[in-house]
Amino acid sequence: MLARLTTGTFRVVGEVAGAAIVGAGVPLLWVWIGSQIQGARGATGVEASTALAMVVGILATYAVVLYVAGWIQGHNDETLPPPVRYPWNRSMRDEPYRPGTGKLSPIEASFVIAAIVATIAMLIWFFAFAGSPLPS
């Protein structure tokens, strides 16, 4: 019982940490790198080359993170059951969907958590803090 509780706790903590790194760590890292590229040249605006480097860097970093996550998940498949077919990949003639029968892996859960938190944060910022772009 205690070992199962400890394993579950470490899994949740790992998923939340992974989601924080993926959702906030990568963009903030590239904002910092962009600030080092920009330097004091443009204290009031961002140059196009700096913005391009940041966007390409974020996309490349996410590609590497997804590749590494897939590699890790592929090497953990010996202990996992066969992959689950999710509802959006099922044919209408396939076996009926039974909620709760398929669990997400920790890596999948980290990306889902990151996407949900980032979406909620963007909506809060958009509706509460962004202000109107229209001239007043």
C-alpha atoms as a PDB file:
ATOM      1  CA  MET A   1       0.000   0.000   0.000  1.00  0.00           C
ATOM      2  CA  LEU A   2       2.725   2.482   0.965  1.00  0.00           C
ATOM      3  CA  ALA A   3       4.848   1.596  -2.067  1.00  0.00           C
ATOM      4  CA  ARG A   4       1.857   2.141  -4.360  1.00  0.00           C
ATOM      5  CA  LEU A   5       1.081   5.497  -2.731  1.00  0.00           C
ATOM      6  CA  THR A   6       4.711   6.593  -3.004  1.00  0.00           C
ATOM      7  CA  THR A   7       4.907   5.524  -6.650  1.00  0.00           C
ATOM      8  CA  GLY A   8       1.692   7.385  -7.437  1.00  0.00           C
ATOM      9  CA  THR A   9       2.908  10.504  -5.647  1.00  0.00           C
ATOM     10  CA  PHE A  10       6.224  10.493  -7.505  1.00  0.00           C
ATOM     11  CA  ARG A  11       4.384   9.998 -10.791  1.00  0.00           C
ATOM     12  CA  VAL A  12       2.106  12.991 -10.188  1.00  0.00           C
ATOM     13  CA  VAL A  13       5.025  15.166  -9.073  1.00  0.00           C
ATOM     14  CA  GLY A  14       6.998  14.088 -12.154  1.00  0.00           C
ATOM     15  CA  GLU A  15       4.066  14.828 -14.458  1.00  0.00           C
ATOM     16  CA  VAL A  16       3.571  18.300 -12.983  1.00  0.00           C
ATOM     17  CA  ALA A  17       7.319  19.043 -13.148  1.00  0.00           C
ATOM     18  CA  GLY A  18       7.460  17.843 -16.754  1.00  0.00           C
ATOM     19  CA  ALA A  19       4.445  19.970 -17.642  1.00  0.00           C
ATOM     20  CA  ALA A  20       6.049  23.030 -16.034  1.00  0.00           C
ATOM     21  CA  ILE A  21       9.279  22.496 -17.938  1.00  0.00           C
ATOM     22  CA  VAL A  22       7.495  21.942 -21.248  1.00  0.00           C
ATOM     23  CA  GLY A  23       4.868  24.650 -20.791  1.00  0.00           C
ATOM     24  CA  ALA A  24       6.891  27.426 -19.186  1.00  0.00           C
ATOM     25  CA  GLY A  25      10.553  26.433 -19.182  1.00  0.00           C
ATOM     26  CA  VAL A  26      11.101  26.209 -22.942  1.00  0.00           C
ATOM     27  CA  PRO A  27       9.451  29.553 -23.847  1.00  0.00           C
ATOM     28  CA  LEU A  28      11.110  31.374 -20.940  1.00  0.00           C
ATOM     29  CA  LEU A  29      14.487  29.909 -21.891  1.00  0.00           C
ATOM     30  CA  TRP A  30      14.098  31.283 -25.427  1.00  0.00           C
ATOM     31  CA  VAL A  31      12.903  34.668 -24.163  1.00  0.00           C
ATOM     32  CA  TRP A  32      16.086  34.835 -22.084  1.00  0.00           C
ATOM     33  CA  ILE A  33      18.206  33.744 -25.080  1.00  0.00           C
ATOM     34  CA  GLY A  34      16.429  36.378 -27.184  1.00  0.00           C
ATOM     35  CA  SER A  35      17.239  39.023 -24.592  1.00  0.00           C
ATOM     36  CA  GLN A  36      20.909  38.015 -24.766  1.00  0.00           C
ATOM     37  CA  ILE A  37      20.848  38.214 -28.580  1.00  0.00           C
ATOM     38  CA  GLN A  38      19.046  41.567 -28.560  1.00  0.00           C
ATOM     39  CA  GLY A  39      21.194  43.086 -25.831  1.00  0.00           C
ATOM     40  CA  ALA A  40      20.831  46.787 -25.165  1.00  0.00           C
ATOM     41  CA  ARG A  41      20.380  47.604 -28.868  1.00  0.00           C
ATOM     42  CA  GLY A  42      16.613  47.559 -28.691  1.00  0.00           C
ATOM     43  CA  ALA A  43      15.394  48.313 -25.233  1.00  0.00           C
ATOM     44  CA  THR A  44      12.018  49.438 -26.570  1.00  0.00           C
ATOM     45  CA  GLY A  45      11.416  46.908 -29.378  1.00  0.00           C
ATOM     46  CA  VAL A  46      12.394  43.503 -30.660  1.00  0.00           C
ATOM     47  CA  GLU A  47      14.350  43.171 -33.891  1.00  0.00           C
ATOM     48  CA  ALA A  48      12.990  40.813 -36.545  1.00  0.00           C
ATOM     49  CA  SER A  49      16.102  38.625 -36.457  1.00  0.00           C
ATOM     50  CA  THR A  50      15.780  38.162 -32.694  1.00  0.00           C
ATOM     51  CA  ALA A  51      12.086  37.277 -32.959  1.00  0.00           C
ATOM     52  CA  LEU A  52      12.825  34.801 -35.758  1.00  0.00           C
ATOM     53  CA  ALA A  53      15.612  33.177 -33.734  1.00  0.00           C
ATOM     54  CA  MET A  54      13.275  32.822 -30.751  1.00  0.00           C
ATOM     55  CA  VAL A  55      10.417  31.293 -32.761  1.00  0.00           C
ATOM     56  CA  VAL A  56      12.685  28.859 -34.610  1.00  0.00           C
ATOM     57  CA  GLY A  57      14.456  27.998 -31.355  1.00  0.00           C
ATOM     58  CA  ILE A  58      11.192  27.274 -29.528  1.00  0.00           C
ATOM     59  CA  LEU A  59       9.949  25.059 -32.359  1.00  0.00           C
ATOM     60  CA  ALA A  60      13.273  23.208 -32.601  1.00  0.00           C
ATOM     61  CA  THR A  61      13.399  22.717 -28.822  1.00  0.00           C
ATOM     62  CA  TYR A  62       9.875  21.298 -28.779  1.00  0.00           C
ATOM     63  CA  ALA A  63      10.795  18.934 -31.636  1.00  0.00           C
ATOM     64  CA  VAL A  64      13.787  17.678 -29.628  1.00  0.00           C
ATOM     65  CA  VAL A  65      11.687  17.360 -26.437  1.00  0.00           C
ATOM     66  CA  LEU A  66       9.046  15.331 -28.283  1.00  0.00           C
ATOM     67  CA  TYR A  67      11.710  13.108 -29.837  1.00  0.00           C
ATOM     68  CA  VAL A  68      13.336  12.469 -26.448  1.00  0.00           C
ATOM     69  CA  ALA A  69       9.940  11.855 -24.802  1.00  0.00           C
ATOM     70  CA  GLY A  70       9.039   9.361 -27.527  1.00  0.00           C
ATOM     71  CA  TRP A  71      12.383   7.627 -27.124  1.00  0.00           C
ATOM     72  CA  ILE A  72      11.908   7.374 -23.350  1.00  0.00           C
ATOM     73  CA  GLN A  73       8.375   6.077 -23.755  1.00  0.00           C
ATOM     74  CA  GLY A  74       9.533   3.581 -26.383  1.00  0.00           C
ATOM     75  CA  HIS A  75      12.147   2.184 -24.021  1.00  0.00           C
ATOM     76  CA  ASN A  76       9.584   1.837 -21.226  1.00  0.00           C
ATOM     77  CA  ASP A  77       7.226  -0.214 -23.405  1.00  0.00           C
ATOM     78  CA  GLU A  78       8.551  -3.544 -22.080  1.00  0.00           C
ATOM     79  CA  THR A  79       6.722  -2.966 -18.803  1.00  0.00           C
ATOM     80  CA  LEU A  80       3.642  -1.274 -20.253  1.00  0.00           C
ATOM     81  CA  PRO A  81       0.610  -2.954 -21.783  1.00  0.00           C
ATOM     82  CA  PRO A  82       0.068  -2.585 -25.541  1.00  0.00           C
ATOM     83  CA  PRO A  83      -0.908   0.893 -26.747  1.00  0.00           C
ATOM     84  CA  VAL A  84      -4.503   1.970 -26.314  1.00  0.00           C
ATOM     85  CA  ARG A  85      -6.565   3.126 -29.261  1.00  0.00           C
ATOM     86  CA  TYR A  86      -8.124   6.417 -28.231  1.00  0.00           C
ATOM     87  CA  PRO A  87     -11.647   7.397 -29.283  1.00  0.00           C
ATOM     88  CA  TRP A  88     -10.501   9.794 -31.994  1.00  0.00           C
ATOM     89  CA  ASN A  89      -8.563   6.943 -33.678  1.00  0.00           C
ATOM     90  CA  ARG A  90     -11.407   4.417 -33.597  1.00  0.00           C
ATOM     91  CA  SER A  91     -13.527   3.261 -36.478  1.00  0.00           C
ATOM     92  CA  MET A  92     -17.279   3.185 -36.063  1.00  0.00           C
ATOM     93  CA  ARG A  93     -17.002  -0.609 -36.539  1.00  0.00           C
ATOM     94  CA  ASP A  94     -14.324  -0.952 -33.857  1.00  0.00           C
ATOM     95  CA  GLU A  95     -14.910  -2.279 -30.360  1.00  0.00           C
ATOM     96  CA  PRO A  96     -17.028   0.024 -28.204  1.00  0.00           C
ATOM     97  CA  TYR A  97     -15.261   2.659 -26.145  1.00  0.00           C
ATOM     98  CA  ARG A  98     -15.255   2.086 -22.410  1.00  0.00           C
ATOM     99  CA  PRO A  99     -14.182   5.202 -20.454  1.00  0.00           C
ATOM    100  CA  GLY A 100     -11.436   4.614 -17.930  1.00  0.00           C
ATOM    101  CA  THR A 101     -10.003   1.496 -19.582  1.00  0.00           C
ATOM    102  CA  GLY A 102      -6.975   3.256 -21.061  1.00  0.00           C
ATOM    103  CA  LYS A 103      -4.576   5.301 -18.964  1.00  0.00           C
ATOM    104  CA  LEU A 104      -2.177   7.933 -20.225  1.00  0.00           C
ATOM    105  CA  SER A 105       1.525   7.358 -19.792  1.00  0.00           C
ATOM    106  CA  PRO A 106       3.358   9.866 -17.565  1.00  0.00           C
ATOM    107  CA  ILE A 107       4.873  11.549 -20.625  1.00  0.00           C
ATOM    108  CA  GLU A 108       1.492  11.892 -22.332  1.00  0.00           C
ATOM    109  CA  ALA A 109      -0.027  13.208 -19.110  1.00  0.00           C
ATOM    110  CA  SER A 110       2.730  15.835 -18.830  1.00  0.00           C
ATOM    111  CA  PHE A 111       1.984  17.172 -22.308  1.00  0.00           C
ATOM    112  CA  VAL A 112      -1.784  17.142 -21.674  1.00  0.00           C
ATOM    113  CA  ILE A 113      -1.334  19.015 -18.381  1.00  0.00           C
ATOM    114  CA  ALA A 114       0.962  21.559 -20.075  1.00  0.00           C
ATOM    115  CA  ALA A 115      -1.565  22.147 -22.857  1.00  0.00           C
ATOM    116  CA  ILE A 116      -4.459  22.604 -20.429  1.00  0.00           C
ATOM    117  CA  VAL A 117      -2.558  24.976 -18.126  1.00  0.00           C
ATOM    118  CA  ALA A 118      -1.209  27.019 -21.069  1.00  0.00           C
ATOM    119  CA  THR A 119      -4.705  27.301 -22.560  1.00  0.00           C
ATOM    120  CA  ILE A 120      -6.232  28.446 -19.275  1.00  0.00           C
ATOM    121  CA  ALA A 121      -3.404  30.943 -18.679  1.00  0.00           C
ATOM    122  CA  MET A 122      -3.791  32.362 -22.201  1.00  0.00           C
ATOM    123  CA  LEU A 123      -7.555  32.737 -21.766  1.00  0.00           C
ATOM    124  CA  ILE A 124      -7.138  34.492 -18.408  1.00  0.00           C
ATOM    125  CA  TRP A 125      -4.545  36.847 -19.894  1.00  0.00           C
ATOM    126  CA  PHE A 126      -6.631  37.488 -23.018  1.00  0.00           C
ATOM    127  CA  PHE A 127      -9.874  38.290 -21.228  1.00  0.00           C
ATOM    128  CA  ALA A 128      -8.531  39.927 -18.042  1.00  0.00           C
ATOM    129  CA  PHE A 129      -5.239  41.664 -18.834  1.00  0.00           C
ATOM    130  CA  ALA A 130      -4.718  42.151 -22.579  1.00  0.00           C
ATOM    131  CA  GLY A 131      -6.870  45.217 -23.020  1.00  0.00           C
ATOM    132  CA  SER A 132      -8.396  46.371 -26.260  1.00  0.00           C
ATOM    133  CA  PRO A 133      -6.209  46.756 -29.353  1.00  0.00           C
ATOM    134  CA  LEU A 134      -8.654  49.246 -30.810  1.00  0.00           C
ATOM    135  CA  PRO A 135      -7.830  52.951 -30.584  1.00  0.00           C
ATOM    136  CA  SER A 136      -9.865  54.816 -28.007  1.00  0.00           C
END
